[in-house]
């Protein structure tokens, strides 16, 4: 794998990791009744995720254009991070919604 693709993959891992961290922190803010901050963290996490998604799409597009790269453990790891971040976002939004409903019902 060339250095350019390796760098893109490392950036992809970094973006997905940052997104996932934001989503987890958003859950913690919602738990502390800080719903506005939770929403801001979700949105910030989304920007990290989109950044990673663009890199992923670029790598996939290159392969479709015949500029394929070897599948490396690093690339598989990067895709795993993307999937984990996406799943964490879905769960974070559901958990935040539950905290909001609990607050409305009991406070």
C-alpha atoms as a PDB file:
ATOM      1  CA  UNK A   1       0.000   0.000   0.000  1.00  0.00           C
ATOM      2  CA  UNK A   2       1.318   3.424  -0.831  1.00  0.00           C
ATOM      3  CA  UNK A   3       1.936   6.160   1.730  1.00  0.00           C
ATOM      4  CA  UNK A   4      -0.960   8.280   0.457  1.00  0.00           C
ATOM      5  CA  UNK A   5      -3.519   5.545   1.077  1.00  0.00           C
ATOM      6  CA  UNK A   6      -1.970   4.702   4.436  1.00  0.00           C
ATOM      7  CA  UNK A   7      -2.293   8.328   5.497  1.00  0.00           C
ATOM      8  CA  UNK A   8      -5.944   8.445   4.378  1.00  0.00           C
ATOM      9  CA  UNK A   9      -6.695   5.303   6.354  1.00  0.00           C
ATOM     10  CA  UNK A  10      -5.067   6.678   9.504  1.00  0.00           C
ATOM     11  CA  UNK A  11      -7.062   9.919   9.105  1.00  0.00           C
ATOM     12  CA  UNK A  12     -10.207   7.815   8.654  1.00  0.00           C
ATOM     13  CA  UNK A  13      -9.502   5.972  11.919  1.00  0.00           C
ATOM     14  CA  UNK A  14      -8.858   9.265  13.690  1.00  0.00           C
ATOM     15  CA  UNK A  15     -12.081  10.848  12.396  1.00  0.00           C
ATOM     16  CA  UNK A  16     -14.204   7.840  13.294  1.00  0.00           C
ATOM     17  CA  UNK A  17     -12.632   7.669  16.757  1.00  0.00           C
ATOM     18  CA  UNK A  18     -13.280  11.359  17.370  1.00  0.00           C
ATOM     19  CA  UNK A  19     -16.893  10.953  16.260  1.00  0.00           C
ATOM     20  CA  UNK A  20     -17.418   7.988  18.551  1.00  0.00           C
ATOM     21  CA  UNK A  21     -15.898   9.873  21.503  1.00  0.00           C
ATOM     22  CA  UNK A  22     -18.262  12.783  20.886  1.00  0.00           C
ATOM     23  CA  UNK A  23     -21.270  10.482  20.804  1.00  0.00           C
ATOM     24  CA  UNK A  24     -20.292   8.852  24.099  1.00  0.00           C
ATOM     25  CA  UNK A  25     -19.668  12.242  25.714  1.00  0.00           C
ATOM     26  CA  UNK A  26     -23.098  13.354  24.453  1.00  0.00           C
ATOM     27  CA  UNK A  27     -24.714  10.490  26.381  1.00  0.00           C
ATOM     28  CA  UNK A  28     -22.877  11.592  29.526  1.00  0.00           C
ATOM     29  CA  UNK A  29     -24.097  15.190  29.057  1.00  0.00           C
ATOM     30  CA  UNK A  30     -27.673  14.003  28.637  1.00  0.00           C
ATOM     31  CA  UNK A  31     -27.327  11.941  31.799  1.00  0.00           C
ATOM     32  CA  UNK A  32     -26.389  15.199  33.566  1.00  0.00           C
ATOM     33  CA  UNK A  33     -29.481  16.932  32.044  1.00  0.00           C
ATOM     34  CA  UNK A  34     -27.293  19.005  29.731  1.00  0.00           C
ATOM     35  CA  UNK A  35     -29.306  18.324  26.592  1.00  0.00           C
ATOM     36  CA  UNK A  36     -28.142  21.332  24.609  1.00  0.00           C
ATOM     37  CA  UNK A  37     -24.505  20.324  25.090  1.00  0.00           C
ATOM     38  CA  UNK A  38     -25.398  16.751  24.206  1.00  0.00           C
ATOM     39  CA  UNK A  39     -26.921  17.902  20.916  1.00  0.00           C
ATOM     40  CA  UNK A  40     -23.873  20.039  20.145  1.00  0.00           C
ATOM     41  CA  UNK A  41     -21.622  17.017  20.715  1.00  0.00           C
ATOM     42  CA  UNK A  42     -23.772  14.895  18.408  1.00  0.00           C
ATOM     43  CA  UNK A  43     -23.473  17.539  15.692  1.00  0.00           C
ATOM     44  CA  UNK A  44     -19.714  17.881  16.201  1.00  0.00           C
ATOM     45  CA  UNK A  45     -19.397  14.096  16.096  1.00  0.00           C
ATOM     46  CA  UNK A  46     -21.331  14.078  12.846  1.00  0.00           C
ATOM     47  CA  UNK A  47     -18.824  16.465  11.277  1.00  0.00           C
ATOM     48  CA  UNK A  48     -15.987  14.111  12.256  1.00  0.00           C
ATOM     49  CA  UNK A  49     -17.947  11.160  10.893  1.00  0.00           C
ATOM     50  CA  UNK A  50     -18.617  12.896   7.575  1.00  0.00           C
ATOM     51  CA  UNK A  51     -14.907  13.687   7.290  1.00  0.00           C
ATOM     52  CA  UNK A  52     -14.096  10.000   7.735  1.00  0.00           C
ATOM     53  CA  UNK A  53     -16.877   8.960   5.403  1.00  0.00           C
ATOM     54  CA  UNK A  54     -15.462  11.160   2.629  1.00  0.00           C
ATOM     55  CA  UNK A  55     -12.062   9.491   2.993  1.00  0.00           C
ATOM     56  CA  UNK A  56     -13.694   6.068   2.933  1.00  0.00           C
ATOM     57  CA  UNK A  57     -15.707   6.955  -0.174  1.00  0.00           C
ATOM     58  CA  UNK A  58     -12.555   8.230  -1.870  1.00  0.00           C
ATOM     59  CA  UNK A  59     -10.733   4.949  -1.216  1.00  0.00           C
ATOM     60  CA  UNK A  60     -13.703   2.932  -2.484  1.00  0.00           C
ATOM     61  CA  UNK A  61     -14.067   5.173  -5.562  1.00  0.00           C
ATOM     62  CA  UNK A  62     -10.400   4.690  -6.402  1.00  0.00           C
ATOM     63  CA  UNK A  63     -10.886   0.950  -6.363  1.00  0.00           C
ATOM     64  CA  UNK A  64     -13.971   1.225  -8.577  1.00  0.00           C
ATOM     65  CA  UNK A  65     -11.891   3.303 -11.011  1.00  0.00           C
ATOM     66  CA  UNK A  66      -9.355   0.528 -11.253  1.00  0.00           C
ATOM     67  CA  UNK A  67      -6.875   2.112  -8.853  1.00  0.00           C
ATOM     68  CA  UNK A  68      -7.382  -0.632  -6.350  1.00  0.00           C
ATOM     69  CA  UNK A  69      -5.320  -1.121  -3.291  1.00  0.00           C
ATOM     70  CA  UNK A  70      -4.548  -4.231  -1.379  1.00  0.00           C
ATOM     71  CA  UNK A  71      -6.885  -4.897   1.494  1.00  0.00           C
ATOM     72  CA  UNK A  72      -4.833  -4.429   4.605  1.00  0.00           C
ATOM     73  CA  UNK A  73      -5.499  -5.100   8.250  1.00  0.00           C
ATOM     74  CA  UNK A  74      -5.284  -1.335   8.761  1.00  0.00           C
ATOM     75  CA  UNK A  75      -8.104  -0.725   6.247  1.00  0.00           C
ATOM     76  CA  UNK A  76     -10.284  -3.395   7.837  1.00  0.00           C
ATOM     77  CA  UNK A  77      -9.589  -1.785  11.216  1.00  0.00           C
ATOM     78  CA  UNK A  78     -10.614   1.609   9.805  1.00  0.00           C
ATOM     79  CA  UNK A  79     -13.899   0.221   8.504  1.00  0.00           C
ATOM     80  CA  UNK A  80     -14.529  -1.338  11.895  1.00  0.00           C
ATOM     81  CA  UNK A  81     -14.094   2.106  13.475  1.00  0.00           C
ATOM     82  CA  UNK A  82     -16.566   3.609  11.002  1.00  0.00           C
ATOM     83  CA  UNK A  83     -19.179   0.971  11.788  1.00  0.00           C
ATOM     84  CA  UNK A  84     -18.621   1.392  15.517  1.00  0.00           C
ATOM     85  CA  UNK A  85     -18.994   5.184  15.293  1.00  0.00           C
ATOM     86  CA  UNK A  86     -22.197   4.901  13.259  1.00  0.00           C
ATOM     87  CA  UNK A  87     -23.716   2.414  15.692  1.00  0.00           C
ATOM     88  CA  UNK A  88     -22.693   4.546  18.662  1.00  0.00           C
ATOM     89  CA  UNK A  89     -24.413   7.570  17.109  1.00  0.00           C
ATOM     90  CA  UNK A  90     -27.672   5.693  16.638  1.00  0.00           C
ATOM     91  CA  UNK A  91     -27.592   4.450  20.234  1.00  0.00           C
ATOM     92  CA  UNK A  92     -26.538   7.857  21.610  1.00  0.00           C
ATOM     93  CA  UNK A  93     -29.503   9.554  19.948  1.00  0.00           C
ATOM     94  CA  UNK A  94     -31.881   6.944  21.364  1.00  0.00           C
ATOM     95  CA  UNK A  95     -30.404   7.180  24.871  1.00  0.00           C
ATOM     96  CA  UNK A  96     -30.503  10.992  24.829  1.00  0.00           C
ATOM     97  CA  UNK A  97     -34.140  10.827  23.760  1.00  0.00           C
ATOM     98  CA  UNK A  98     -34.900   8.481  26.653  1.00  0.00           C
ATOM     99  CA  UNK A  99     -33.208  10.827  29.147  1.00  0.00           C
ATOM    100  CA  UNK A 100     -35.273  13.720  27.768  1.00  0.00           C
ATOM    101  CA  UNK A 101     -38.497  11.744  28.128  1.00  0.00           C
ATOM    102  CA  UNK A 102     -37.597  10.688  31.664  1.00  0.00           C
ATOM    103  CA  UNK A 103     -36.901  14.284  32.628  1.00  0.00           C
ATOM    104  CA  UNK A 104     -40.216  15.441  31.172  1.00  0.00           C
ATOM    105  CA  UNK A 105     -42.122  12.707  32.958  1.00  0.00           C
ATOM    106  CA  UNK A 106     -40.509  12.861  36.382  1.00  0.00           C
ATOM    107  CA  UNK A 107     -39.225  16.412  36.774  1.00  0.00           C
END
